[in-house]
Amino acid sequence: MERSSTFGPFFIAAGVMHFVAPAWYEAIIPPSMPSPRALVYASGVAEILSGVGVLIPSTRRRASALAVATLIAVYPANLYMAARADKFERKVPGGRWALYARLPLQGALIAWARAAGKS
């Protein structure tokens, strides 16, 4: 199975969740960032577009780059959640450990997004 055919649906589903549960995503945006709801929707759109884009051979490379950029852009939310583990540990399956595990996991997701652009 091509990496793009697994990454694409995964990232589409992740993006859809931004519209299904926007309040949850809004809560993980660092307070210093402006317009949390707009950021939630923008990152959701970027995830959906890049997920669809990696499934189309002619847009695969650009969509992969968008996915990588999106994953880098949302990393501050992962840092914020880890730094405020006391606030988020009961809201995330796996608790405090999962919040810390998300930090290096983002690198694995970036590698997967890059690989999806090459398949």
PDB file of N, CA and C in Angstrom:
ATOM      1  N   MET A   1       0.849  -1.182   0.000  1.00  0.00           N
ATOM      2  CA  MET A   1       0.000   0.000   0.000  1.00  0.00           C
ATOM      3  C   MET A   1       0.892   1.242   0.000  1.00  0.00           C
ATOM      4  N   GLU A   2       0.589   2.171  -0.860  1.00  0.00           N
ATOM      5  CA  GLU A   2       1.368   3.409  -0.932  1.00  0.00           C
ATOM      6  C   GLU A   2       1.193   4.234   0.337  1.00  0.00           C
ATOM      7  N   ARG A   3       2.268   4.920   0.720  1.00  0.00           N
ATOM      8  CA  ARG A   3       2.204   5.771   1.906  1.00  0.00           C
ATOM      9  C   ARG A   3       1.144   6.864   1.757  1.00  0.00           C
ATOM     10  N   SER A   4       0.984   7.372   0.520  1.00  0.00           N
ATOM     11  CA  SER A   4       0.007   8.443   0.310  1.00  0.00           C
ATOM     12  C   SER A   4      -1.417   7.945   0.531  1.00  0.00           C
ATOM     13  N   SER A   5      -1.659   6.658   0.229  1.00  0.00           N
ATOM     14  CA  SER A   5      -3.021   6.142   0.379  1.00  0.00           C
ATOM     15  C   SER A   5      -3.375   5.875   1.833  1.00  0.00           C
ATOM     16  N   THR A   6      -2.387   5.844   2.715  1.00  0.00           N
ATOM     17  CA  THR A   6      -2.688   5.731   4.143  1.00  0.00           C
ATOM     18  C   THR A   6      -2.620   7.095   4.827  1.00  0.00           C
ATOM     19  N   PHE A   7      -1.643   7.906   4.442  1.00  0.00           N
ATOM     20  CA  PHE A   7      -1.519   9.225   5.056  1.00  0.00           C
ATOM     21  C   PHE A   7      -2.707  10.119   4.692  1.00  0.00           C
ATOM     22  N   GLY A   8      -3.118  10.090   3.431  1.00  0.00           N
ATOM     23  CA  GLY A   8      -4.201  10.955   2.964  1.00  0.00           C
ATOM     24  C   GLY A   8      -5.473  10.830   3.798  1.00  0.00           C
ATOM     25  N   PRO A   9      -6.053   9.653   3.900  1.00  0.00           N
ATOM     26  CA  PRO A   9      -7.270   9.506   4.704  1.00  0.00           C
ATOM     27  C   PRO A   9      -7.059   9.855   6.182  1.00  0.00           C
ATOM     28  N   PHE A  10      -5.887   9.499   6.721  1.00  0.00           N
ATOM     29  CA  PHE A  10      -5.591   9.851   8.108  1.00  0.00           C
ATOM     30  C   PHE A  10      -5.644  11.369   8.293  1.00  0.00           C
ATOM     31  N   PHE A  11      -5.003  12.109   7.398  1.00  0.00           N
ATOM     32  CA  PHE A  11      -4.944  13.560   7.555  1.00  0.00           C
ATOM     33  C   PHE A  11      -6.297  14.211   7.246  1.00  0.00           C
ATOM     34  N   ILE A  12      -7.047  13.649   6.330  1.00  0.00           N
ATOM     35  CA  ILE A  12      -8.402  14.152   6.065  1.00  0.00           C
ATOM     36  C   ILE A  12      -9.249  14.001   7.327  1.00  0.00           C
ATOM     37  N   ALA A  13      -9.209  12.837   7.938  1.00  0.00           N
ATOM     38  CA  ALA A  13      -9.982  12.597   9.166  1.00  0.00           C
ATOM     39  C   ALA A  13      -9.544  13.545  10.275  1.00  0.00           C
ATOM     40  N   ALA A  14      -8.243  13.761  10.409  1.00  0.00           N
ATOM     41  CA  ALA A  14      -7.747  14.693  11.427  1.00  0.00           C
ATOM     42  C   ALA A  14      -8.278  16.099  11.167  1.00  0.00           C
ATOM     43  N   GLY A  15      -8.297  16.503   9.920  1.00  0.00           N
ATOM     44  CA  GLY A  15      -8.802  17.833   9.576  1.00  0.00           C
ATOM     45  C   GLY A  15     -10.290  17.977   9.831  1.00  0.00           C
ATOM     46  N   VAL A  16     -11.060  16.956   9.510  1.00  0.00           N
ATOM     47  CA  VAL A  16     -12.508  16.983   9.748  1.00  0.00           C
ATOM     48  C   VAL A  16     -12.803  17.170  11.234  1.00  0.00           C
ATOM     49  N   MET A  17     -11.987  16.560  12.074  1.00  0.00           N
ATOM     50  CA  MET A  17     -12.200  16.676  13.523  1.00  0.00           C
ATOM     51  C   MET A  17     -12.121  18.126  14.006  1.00  0.00           C
ATOM     52  N   HIS A  18     -11.410  18.984  13.291  1.00  0.00           N
ATOM     53  CA  HIS A  18     -11.339  20.397  13.668  1.00  0.00           C
ATOM     54  C   HIS A  18     -12.712  21.076  13.545  1.00  0.00           C
ATOM     55  N   PHE A  19     -13.558  20.531  12.684  1.00  0.00           N
ATOM     56  CA  PHE A  19     -14.903  21.089  12.498  1.00  0.00           C
ATOM     57  C   PHE A  19     -15.932  20.360  13.353  1.00  0.00           C
ATOM     58  N   VAL A  20     -15.647  19.115  13.712  1.00  0.00           N
ATOM     59  CA  VAL A  20     -16.547  18.336  14.561  1.00  0.00           C
ATOM     60  C   VAL A  20     -16.428  18.773  16.016  1.00  0.00           C
ATOM     61  N   ALA A  21     -15.204  19.012  16.465  1.00  0.00           N
ATOM     62  CA  ALA A  21     -14.949  19.366  17.871  1.00  0.00           C
ATOM     63  C   ALA A  21     -14.028  20.587  17.967  1.00  0.00           C
ATOM     64  N   PRO A  22     -14.439  21.725  17.406  1.00  0.00           N
ATOM     65  CA  PRO A  22     -13.543  22.890  17.395  1.00  0.00           C
ATOM     66  C   PRO A  22     -13.181  23.410  18.784  1.00  0.00           C
ATOM     67  N   ALA A  23     -14.071  23.273  19.743  1.00  0.00           N
ATOM     68  CA  ALA A  23     -13.783  23.783  21.092  1.00  0.00           C
ATOM     69  C   ALA A  23     -12.600  23.052  21.714  1.00  0.00           C
ATOM     70  N   TRP A  24     -12.487  21.749  21.456  1.00  0.00           N
ATOM     71  CA  TRP A  24     -11.357  20.999  22.006  1.00  0.00           C
ATOM     72  C   TRP A  24     -10.045  21.524  21.433  1.00  0.00           C
ATOM     73  N   TYR A  25     -10.000  21.731  20.125  1.00  0.00           N
ATOM     74  CA  TYR A  25      -8.790  22.234  19.487  1.00  0.00           C
ATOM     75  C   TYR A  25      -8.492  23.668  19.931  1.00  0.00           C
ATOM     76  N   GLU A  26      -9.537  24.443  20.099  1.00  0.00           N
ATOM     77  CA  GLU A  26      -9.363  25.821  20.568  1.00  0.00           C
ATOM     78  C   GLU A  26      -8.695  25.848  21.936  1.00  0.00           C
ATOM     79  N   ALA A  27      -9.043  24.907  22.785  1.00  0.00           N
ATOM     80  CA  ALA A  27      -8.506  24.855  24.145  1.00  0.00           C
ATOM     81  C   ALA A  27      -7.009  24.562  24.181  1.00  0.00           C
ATOM     82  N   ILE A  28      -6.469  23.951  23.122  1.00  0.00           N
ATOM     83  CA  ILE A  28      -5.045  23.605  23.144  1.00  0.00           C
ATOM     84  C   ILE A  28      -4.174  24.650  22.453  1.00  0.00           C
ATOM     85  N   ILE A  29      -4.779  25.691  21.951  1.00  0.00           N
ATOM     86  CA  ILE A  29      -3.995  26.766  21.331  1.00  0.00           C
ATOM     87  C   ILE A  29      -3.433  27.645  22.435  1.00  0.00           C
ATOM     88  N   PRO A  30      -2.136  27.898  22.395  1.00  0.00           N
ATOM     89  CA  PRO A  30      -1.540  28.751  23.432  1.00  0.00           C
ATOM     90  C   PRO A  30      -2.255  30.094  23.520  1.00  0.00           C
ATOM     91  N   PRO A  31      -2.461  30.600  24.726  1.00  0.00           N
ATOM     92  CA  PRO A  31      -3.212  31.854  24.906  1.00  0.00           C
ATOM     93  C   PRO A  31      -2.590  33.048  24.190  1.00  0.00           C
ATOM     94  N   SER A  32      -1.313  32.996  23.894  1.00  0.00           N
ATOM     95  CA  SER A  32      -0.653  34.115  23.220  1.00  0.00           C
ATOM     96  C   SER A  32      -0.992  34.200  21.731  1.00  0.00           C
ATOM     97  N   MET A  33      -1.614  33.170  21.184  1.00  0.00           N
ATOM     98  CA  MET A  33      -1.937  33.153  19.755  1.00  0.00           C
ATOM     99  C   MET A  33      -3.286  33.833  19.515  1.00  0.00           C
ATOM    100  N   PRO A  34      -3.386  34.593  18.432  1.00  0.00           N
ATOM    101  CA  PRO A  34      -4.639  35.309  18.147  1.00  0.00           C
ATOM    102  C   PRO A  34      -5.697  34.412  17.497  1.00  0.00           C
ATOM    103  N   SER A  35      -6.942  34.769  17.652  1.00  0.00           N
ATOM    104  CA  SER A  35      -8.079  34.149  16.963  1.00  0.00           C
ATOM    105  C   SER A  35      -8.053  32.615  16.974  1.00  0.00           C
ATOM    106  N   PRO A  36      -8.167  32.012  18.147  1.00  0.00           N
ATOM    107  CA  PRO A  36      -8.081  30.548  18.230  1.00  0.00           C
ATOM    108  C   PRO A  36      -9.052  29.803  17.301  1.00  0.00           C
ATOM    109  N   ARG A  37     -10.295  30.236  17.222  1.00  0.00           N
ATOM    110  CA  ARG A  37     -11.251  29.503  16.373  1.00  0.00           C
ATOM    111  C   ARG A  37     -10.836  29.578  14.908  1.00  0.00           C
ATOM    112  N   ALA A  38     -10.372  30.736  14.468  1.00  0.00           N
ATOM    113  CA  ALA A  38      -9.915  30.864  13.079  1.00  0.00           C
ATOM    114  C   ALA A  38      -8.705  29.965  12.824  1.00  0.00           C
ATOM    115  N   LEU A  39      -7.805  29.871  13.798  1.00  0.00           N
ATOM    116  CA  LEU A  39      -6.639  28.994  13.656  1.00  0.00           C
ATOM    117  C   LEU A  39      -7.052  27.527  13.593  1.00  0.00           C
ATOM    118  N   VAL A  40      -8.045  27.158  14.374  1.00  0.00           N
ATOM    119  CA  VAL A  40      -8.554  25.777  14.360  1.00  0.00           C
ATOM    120  C   VAL A  40      -9.106  25.457  12.974  1.00  0.00           C
ATOM    121  N   TYR A  41      -9.938  26.349  12.446  1.00  0.00           N
ATOM    122  CA  TYR A  41     -10.523  26.098  11.129  1.00  0.00           C
ATOM    123  C   TYR A  41      -9.457  26.117  10.031  1.00  0.00           C
ATOM    124  N   ALA A  42      -8.515  27.049  10.113  1.00  0.00           N
ATOM    125  CA  ALA A  42      -7.461  27.124   9.090  1.00  0.00           C
ATOM    126  C   ALA A  42      -6.606  25.854   9.086  1.00  0.00           C
ATOM    127  N   SER A  43      -6.249  25.368  10.272  1.00  0.00           N
ATOM    128  CA  SER A  43      -5.441  24.148  10.305  1.00  0.00           C
ATOM    129  C   SER A  43      -6.264  22.947   9.854  1.00  0.00           C
ATOM    130  N   GLY A  44      -7.553  22.940  10.154  1.00  0.00           N
ATOM    131  CA  GLY A  44      -8.411  21.861   9.672  1.00  0.00           C
ATOM    132  C   GLY A  44      -8.509  21.849   8.159  1.00  0.00           C
ATOM    133  N   VAL A  45      -8.683  23.020   7.563  1.00  0.00           N
ATOM    134  CA  VAL A  45      -8.735  23.123   6.100  1.00  0.00           C
ATOM    135  C   VAL A  45      -7.406  22.663   5.501  1.00  0.00           C
ATOM    136  N   ALA A  46      -6.291  23.111   6.088  1.00  0.00           N
ATOM    137  CA  ALA A  46      -4.974  22.717   5.575  1.00  0.00           C
ATOM    138  C   ALA A  46      -4.792  21.202   5.645  1.00  0.00           C
ATOM    139  N   GLU A  47      -5.248  20.589   6.721  1.00  0.00           N
ATOM    140  CA  GLU A  47      -5.119  19.138   6.852  1.00  0.00           C
ATOM    141  C   GLU A  47      -5.986  18.410   5.821  1.00  0.00           C
ATOM    142  N   ILE A  48      -7.206  18.874   5.633  1.00  0.00           N
ATOM    143  CA  ILE A  48      -8.087  18.240   4.648  1.00  0.00           C
ATOM    144  C   ILE A  48      -7.511  18.391   3.241  1.00  0.00           C
ATOM    145  N   LEU A  49      -7.090  19.613   2.896  1.00  0.00           N
ATOM    146  CA  LEU A  49      -6.553  19.845   1.556  1.00  0.00           C
ATOM    147  C   LEU A  49      -5.287  19.035   1.298  1.00  0.00           C
ATOM    148  N   SER A  50      -4.399  18.982   2.281  1.00  0.00           N
ATOM    149  CA  SER A  50      -3.174  18.224   2.058  1.00  0.00           C
ATOM    150  C   SER A  50      -3.457  16.718   2.055  1.00  0.00           C
ATOM    151  N   GLY A  51      -4.420  16.275   2.846  1.00  0.00           N
ATOM    152  CA  GLY A  51      -4.796  14.859   2.828  1.00  0.00           C
ATOM    153  C   GLY A  51      -5.364  14.448   1.482  1.00  0.00           C
ATOM    154  N   VAL A  52      -6.236  15.281   0.932  1.00  0.00           N
ATOM    155  CA  VAL A  52      -6.782  14.999  -0.402  1.00  0.00           C
ATOM    156  C   VAL A  52      -5.673  15.119  -1.444  1.00  0.00           C
ATOM    157  N   GLY A  53      -4.861  16.146  -1.304  1.00  0.00           N
ATOM    158  CA  GLY A  53      -3.819  16.406  -2.291  1.00  0.00           C
ATOM    159  C   GLY A  53      -2.795  15.296  -2.438  1.00  0.00           C
ATOM    160  N   VAL A  54      -2.433  14.624  -1.342  1.00  0.00           N
ATOM    161  CA  VAL A  54      -1.450  13.537  -1.471  1.00  0.00           C
ATOM    162  C   VAL A  54      -2.038  12.313  -2.167  1.00  0.00           C
ATOM    163  N   LEU A  55      -3.339  12.254  -2.277  1.00  0.00           N
ATOM    164  CA  LEU A  55      -3.978  11.135  -2.973  1.00  0.00           C
ATOM    165  C   LEU A  55      -4.006  11.335  -4.487  1.00  0.00           C
ATOM    166  N   ILE A  56      -3.702  12.556  -4.928  1.00  0.00           N
ATOM    167  CA  ILE A  56      -3.726  12.897  -6.356  1.00  0.00           C
ATOM    168  C   ILE A  56      -2.284  13.018  -6.843  1.00  0.00           C
ATOM    169  N   PRO A  57      -1.867  12.161  -7.746  1.00  0.00           N
ATOM    170  CA  PRO A  57      -0.460  12.176  -8.169  1.00  0.00           C
ATOM    171  C   PRO A  57       0.067  13.550  -8.597  1.00  0.00           C
ATOM    172  N   SER A  58      -0.726  14.324  -9.305  1.00  0.00           N
ATOM    173  CA  SER A  58      -0.235  15.619  -9.803  1.00  0.00           C
ATOM    174  C   SER A  58      -0.062  16.667  -8.701  1.00  0.00           C
ATOM    175  N   THR A  59      -0.674  16.466  -7.538  1.00  0.00           N
ATOM    176  CA  THR A  59      -0.551  17.446  -6.447  1.00  0.00           C
ATOM    177  C   THR A  59       0.165  16.872  -5.228  1.00  0.00           C
ATOM    178  N   ARG A  60       0.583  15.626  -5.327  1.00  0.00           N
ATOM    179  CA  ARG A  60       1.129  14.896  -4.184  1.00  0.00           C
ATOM    180  C   ARG A  60       2.294  15.620  -3.510  1.00  0.00           C
ATOM    181  N   ARG A  61       3.268  16.090  -4.272  1.00  0.00           N
ATOM    182  CA  ARG A  61       4.455  16.722  -3.674  1.00  0.00           C
ATOM    183  C   ARG A  61       4.099  18.027  -2.972  1.00  0.00           C
ATOM    184  N   ARG A  62       3.293  18.863  -3.618  1.00  0.00           N
ATOM    185  CA  ARG A  62       2.901  20.139  -2.987  1.00  0.00           C
ATOM    186  C   ARG A  62       2.030  19.897  -1.764  1.00  0.00           C
ATOM    187  N   ALA A  63       1.143  18.936  -1.844  1.00  0.00           N
ATOM    188  CA  ALA A  63       0.281  18.616  -0.702  1.00  0.00           C
ATOM    189  C   ALA A  63       1.105  18.080   0.467  1.00  0.00           C
ATOM    190  N   SER A  64       2.117  17.304   0.151  1.00  0.00           N
ATOM    191  CA  SER A  64       3.012  16.798   1.193  1.00  0.00           C
ATOM    192  C   SER A  64       3.717  17.965   1.886  1.00  0.00           C
ATOM    193  N   ALA A  65       4.176  18.934   1.114  1.00  0.00           N
ATOM    194  CA  ALA A  65       4.831  20.117   1.687  1.00  0.00           C
ATOM    195  C   ALA A  65       3.858  20.904   2.563  1.00  0.00           C
ATOM    196  N   LEU A  66       2.600  21.011   2.134  1.00  0.00           N
ATOM    197  CA  LEU A  66       1.587  21.695   2.947  1.00  0.00           C
ATOM    198  C   LEU A  66       1.357  20.937   4.249  1.00  0.00           C
ATOM    199  N   ALA A  67       1.309  19.625   4.175  1.00  0.00           N
ATOM    200  CA  ALA A  67       1.111  18.820   5.385  1.00  0.00           C
ATOM    201  C   ALA A  67       2.268  19.031   6.358  1.00  0.00           C
ATOM    202  N   VAL A  68       3.489  19.023   5.852  1.00  0.00           N
ATOM    203  CA  VAL A  68       4.654  19.251   6.714  1.00  0.00           C
ATOM    204  C   VAL A  68       4.579  20.639   7.351  1.00  0.00           C
ATOM    205  N   ALA A  69       4.264  21.641   6.554  1.00  0.00           N
ATOM    206  CA  ALA A  69       4.153  23.008   7.083  1.00  0.00           C
ATOM    207  C   ALA A  69       3.060  23.097   8.150  1.00  0.00           C
ATOM    208  N   THR A  70       1.959  22.414   7.923  1.00  0.00           N
ATOM    209  CA  THR A  70       0.862  22.420   8.892  1.00  0.00           C
ATOM    210  C   THR A  70       1.292  21.744  10.193  1.00  0.00           C
ATOM    211  N   LEU A  71       1.964  20.625  10.083  1.00  0.00           N
ATOM    212  CA  LEU A  71       2.432  19.927  11.289  1.00  0.00           C
ATOM    213  C   LEU A  71       3.420  20.780  12.082  1.00  0.00           C
ATOM    214  N   ILE A  72       4.255  21.511  11.392  1.00  0.00           N
ATOM    215  CA  ILE A  72       5.189  22.411  12.074  1.00  0.00           C
ATOM    216  C   ILE A  72       4.420  23.568  12.717  1.00  0.00           C
ATOM    217  N   ALA A  73       3.431  24.093  12.006  1.00  0.00           N
ATOM    218  CA  ALA A  73       2.656  25.233  12.508  1.00  0.00           C
ATOM    219  C   ALA A  73       1.850  24.903  13.759  1.00  0.00           C
ATOM    220  N   VAL A  74       1.385  23.666  13.867  1.00  0.00           N
ATOM    221  CA  VAL A  74       0.572  23.302  15.035  1.00  0.00           C
ATOM    222  C   VAL A  74       1.415  22.779  16.198  1.00  0.00           C
ATOM    223  N   TYR A  75       2.711  22.663  16.016  1.00  0.00           N
ATOM    224  CA  TYR A  75       3.578  22.147  17.075  1.00  0.00           C
ATOM    225  C   TYR A  75       3.494  22.962  18.363  1.00  0.00           C
ATOM    226  N   PRO A  76       3.345  24.287  18.299  1.00  0.00           N
ATOM    227  CA  PRO A  76       3.200  25.033  19.555  1.00  0.00           C
ATOM    228  C   PRO A  76       2.044  24.546  20.433  1.00  0.00           C
ATOM    229  N   ALA A  77       0.985  24.036  19.821  1.00  0.00           N
ATOM    230  CA  ALA A  77      -0.124  23.491  20.619  1.00  0.00           C
ATOM    231  C   ALA A  77       0.329  22.253  21.386  1.00  0.00           C
ATOM    232  N   ASN A  78       1.150  21.417  20.752  1.00  0.00           N
ATOM    233  CA  ASN A  78       1.676  20.234  21.444  1.00  0.00           C
ATOM    234  C   ASN A  78       2.601  20.640  22.587  1.00  0.00           C
ATOM    235  N   LEU A  79       3.430  21.638  22.350  1.00  0.00           N
ATOM    236  CA  LEU A  79       4.314  22.142  23.409  1.00  0.00           C
ATOM    237  C   LEU A  79       3.500  22.711  24.569  1.00  0.00           C
ATOM    238  N   TYR A  80       2.461  23.465  24.236  1.00  0.00           N
ATOM    239  CA  TYR A  80       1.599  24.065  25.256  1.00  0.00           C
ATOM    240  C   TYR A  80       0.925  22.981  26.095  1.00  0.00           C
ATOM    241  N   MET A  81       0.426  21.946  25.438  1.00  0.00           N
ATOM    242  CA  MET A  81      -0.229  20.861  26.164  1.00  0.00           C
ATOM    243  C   MET A  81       0.751  20.147  27.091  1.00  0.00           C
ATOM    244  N   ALA A  82       1.972  19.916  26.630  1.00  0.00           N
ATOM    245  CA  ALA A  82       2.977  19.248  27.464  1.00  0.00           C
ATOM    246  C   ALA A  82       3.383  20.143  28.633  1.00  0.00           C
ATOM    247  N   ALA A  83       3.527  21.428  28.365  1.00  0.00           N
ATOM    248  CA  ALA A  83       3.916  22.361  29.426  1.00  0.00           C
ATOM    249  C   ALA A  83       2.819  22.524  30.465  1.00  0.00           C
ATOM    250  N   ARG A  84       1.582  22.361  30.049  1.00  0.00           N
ATOM    251  CA  ARG A  84       0.431  22.488  30.940  1.00  0.00           C
ATOM    252  C   ARG A  84      -0.238  21.130  31.129  1.00  0.00           C
ATOM    253  N   ALA A  85       0.573  20.118  31.318  1.00  0.00           N
ATOM    254  CA  ALA A  85       0.060  18.746  31.434  1.00  0.00           C
ATOM    255  C   ALA A  85      -1.012  18.634  32.509  1.00  0.00           C
ATOM    256  N   ASP A  86      -0.882  19.405  33.580  1.00  0.00           N
ATOM    257  CA  ASP A  86      -1.885  19.359  34.645  1.00  0.00           C
ATOM    258  C   ASP A  86      -3.268  19.742  34.137  1.00  0.00           C
ATOM    259  N   LYS A  87      -3.324  20.596  33.143  1.00  0.00           N
ATOM    260  CA  LYS A  87      -4.598  21.058  32.577  1.00  0.00           C
ATOM    261  C   LYS A  87      -5.185  20.056  31.574  1.00  0.00           C
ATOM    262  N   PHE A  88      -4.331  19.313  30.887  1.00  0.00           N
ATOM    263  CA  PHE A  88      -4.785  18.481  29.778  1.00  0.00           C
ATOM    264  C   PHE A  88      -4.723  16.969  30.016  1.00  0.00           C
ATOM    265  N   GLU A  89      -4.014  16.514  31.048  1.00  0.00           N
ATOM    266  CA  GLU A  89      -3.767  15.080  31.190  1.00  0.00           C
ATOM    267  C   GLU A  89      -5.038  14.243  31.317  1.00  0.00           C
ATOM    268  N   ARG A  90      -6.100  14.799  31.836  1.00  0.00           N
ATOM    269  CA  ARG A  90      -7.352  14.030  31.966  1.00  0.00           C
ATOM    270  C   ARG A  90      -8.211  14.082  30.701  1.00  0.00           C
ATOM    271  N   LYS A  91      -7.818  14.921  29.748  1.00  0.00           N
ATOM    272  CA  LYS A  91      -8.593  15.073  28.515  1.00  0.00           C
ATOM    273  C   LYS A  91      -8.017  14.284  27.354  1.00  0.00           C
ATOM    274  N   VAL A  92      -6.832  13.702  27.564  1.00  0.00           N
ATOM    275  CA  VAL A  92      -6.141  12.983  26.499  1.00  0.00           C
ATOM    276  C   VAL A  92      -5.953  11.529  26.918  1.00  0.00           C
ATOM    277  N   PRO A  93      -6.370  10.583  26.064  1.00  0.00           N
ATOM    278  CA  PRO A  93      -6.120   9.184  26.395  1.00  0.00           C
ATOM    279  C   PRO A  93      -4.623   8.957  26.625  1.00  0.00           C
ATOM    280  N   GLY A  94      -4.289   8.304  27.703  1.00  0.00           N
ATOM    281  CA  GLY A  94      -2.889   8.075  28.035  1.00  0.00           C
ATOM    282  C   GLY A  94      -2.340   9.097  29.010  1.00  0.00           C
ATOM    283  N   GLY A  95      -3.124  10.152  29.262  1.00  0.00           N
ATOM    284  CA  GLY A  95      -2.761  11.150  30.257  1.00  0.00           C
ATOM    285  C   GLY A  95      -1.458  11.873  29.998  1.00  0.00           C
ATOM    286  N   ARG A  96      -0.762  12.167  31.065  1.00  0.00           N
ATOM    287  CA  ARG A  96       0.476  12.959  31.024  1.00  0.00           C
ATOM    288  C   ARG A  96       1.508  12.335  30.079  1.00  0.00           C
ATOM    289  N   TRP A  97       1.643  11.002  30.138  1.00  0.00           N
ATOM    290  CA  TRP A  97       2.611  10.327  29.277  1.00  0.00           C
ATOM    291  C   TRP A  97       2.316  10.623  27.810  1.00  0.00           C
ATOM    292  N   ALA A  98       1.050  10.567  27.425  1.00  0.00           N
ATOM    293  CA  ALA A  98       0.669  10.802  26.034  1.00  0.00           C
ATOM    294  C   ALA A  98       0.982  12.233  25.604  1.00  0.00           C
ATOM    295  N   LEU A  99       0.832  13.172  26.517  1.00  0.00           N
ATOM    296  CA  LEU A  99       1.140  14.568  26.180  1.00  0.00           C
ATOM    297  C   LEU A  99       2.613  14.740  25.846  1.00  0.00           C
ATOM    298  N   TYR A 100       3.472  14.056  26.588  1.00  0.00           N
ATOM    299  CA  TYR A 100       4.907  14.130  26.307  1.00  0.00           C
ATOM    300  C   TYR A 100       5.261  13.327  25.057  1.00  0.00           C
ATOM    301  N   ALA A 101       4.589  12.213  24.854  1.00  0.00           N
ATOM    302  CA  ALA A 101       4.863  11.362  23.691  1.00  0.00           C
ATOM    303  C   ALA A 101       4.485  12.061  22.390  1.00  0.00           C
ATOM    304  N   ARG A 102       3.528  12.984  22.447  1.00  0.00           N
ATOM    305  CA  ARG A 102       3.114  13.711  21.246  1.00  0.00           C
ATOM    306  C   ARG A 102       4.248  14.542  20.659  1.00  0.00           C
ATOM    307  N   LEU A 103       5.179  14.971  21.490  1.00  0.00           N
ATOM    308  CA  LEU A 103       6.243  15.858  21.006  1.00  0.00           C
ATOM    309  C   LEU A 103       7.118  15.159  19.956  1.00  0.00           C
ATOM    310  N   PRO A 104       7.720  14.007  20.254  1.00  0.00           N
ATOM    311  CA  PRO A 104       8.496  13.348  19.197  1.00  0.00           C
ATOM    312  C   PRO A 104       7.604  12.704  18.120  1.00  0.00           C
ATOM    313  N   LEU A 105       6.368  12.380  18.476  1.00  0.00           N
ATOM    314  CA  LEU A 105       5.454  11.811  17.494  1.00  0.00           C
ATOM    315  C   LEU A 105       5.240  12.778  16.332  1.00  0.00           C
ATOM    316  N   GLN A 106       5.275  14.057  16.601  1.00  0.00           N
ATOM    317  CA  GLN A 106       5.103  15.043  15.537  1.00  0.00           C
ATOM    318  C   GLN A 106       6.193  14.863  14.475  1.00  0.00           C
ATOM    319  N   GLY A 107       7.401  14.524  14.909  1.00  0.00           N
ATOM    320  CA  GLY A 107       8.473  14.255  13.947  1.00  0.00           C
ATOM    321  C   GLY A 107       8.165  13.046  13.080  1.00  0.00           C
ATOM    322  N   ALA A 108       7.581  12.027  13.670  1.00  0.00           N
ATOM    323  CA  ALA A 108       7.197  10.837  12.906  1.00  0.00           C
ATOM    324  C   ALA A 108       6.100  11.179  11.897  1.00  0.00           C
ATOM    325  N   LEU A 109       5.170  12.025  12.302  1.00  0.00           N
ATOM    326  CA  LEU A 109       4.109  12.446  11.371  1.00  0.00           C
ATOM    327  C   LEU A 109       4.687  13.257  10.218  1.00  0.00           C
ATOM    328  N   ILE A 110       5.666  14.098  10.519  1.00  0.00           N
ATOM    329  CA  ILE A 110       6.318  14.874   9.462  1.00  0.00           C
ATOM    330  C   ILE A 110       7.029  13.934   8.488  1.00  0.00           C
ATOM    331  N   ALA A 111       7.713  12.939   9.015  1.00  0.00           N
ATOM    332  CA  ALA A 111       8.380  11.960   8.149  1.00  0.00           C
ATOM    333  C   ALA A 111       7.359  11.218   7.280  1.00  0.00           C
ATOM    334  N   TRP A 112       6.222  10.869   7.857  1.00  0.00           N
ATOM    335  CA  TRP A 112       5.172  10.179   7.102  1.00  0.00           C
ATOM    336  C   TRP A 112       4.625  11.087   6.002  1.00  0.00           C
ATOM    337  N   ALA A 113       4.403  12.364   6.329  1.00  0.00           N
ATOM    338  CA  ALA A 113       3.908  13.321   5.339  1.00  0.00           C
ATOM    339  C   ALA A 113       4.909  13.474   4.191  1.00  0.00           C
ATOM    340  N   ARG A 114       6.187  13.539   4.525  1.00  0.00           N
ATOM    341  CA  ARG A 114       7.211  13.650   3.487  1.00  0.00           C
ATOM    342  C   ARG A 114       7.243  12.397   2.617  1.00  0.00           C
ATOM    343  N   ALA A 115       7.141  11.248   3.246  1.00  0.00           N
ATOM    344  CA  ALA A 115       7.144   9.989   2.503  1.00  0.00           C
ATOM    345  C   ALA A 115       5.909   9.899   1.587  1.00  0.00           C
ATOM    346  N   ALA A 116       4.788  10.407   2.043  1.00  0.00           N
ATOM    347  CA  ALA A 116       3.567  10.381   1.236  1.00  0.00           C
ATOM    348  C   ALA A 116       3.734  11.202  -0.033  1.00  0.00           C
ATOM    349  N   GLY A 117       4.560  12.218   0.024  1.00  0.00           N
ATOM    350  CA  GLY A 117       4.807  13.045  -1.150  1.00  0.00           C
ATOM    351  C   GLY A 117       5.706  12.378  -2.188  1.00  0.00           C
ATOM    352  N   LYS A 118       6.359  11.308  -1.791  1.00  0.00           N
ATOM    353  CA  LYS A 118       7.289  10.616  -2.685  1.00  0.00           C
ATOM    354  C   LYS A 118       6.727   9.333  -3.264  1.00  0.00           C
ATOM    355  N   SER A 119       5.556   8.905  -2.784  1.00  0.00           N
ATOM    356  CA  SER A 119       5.019   7.624  -3.264  1.00  0.00           C
ATOM    357  C   SER A 119       4.235   7.783  -4.548  1.00  0.00           C
TER     358      SER A 119
END
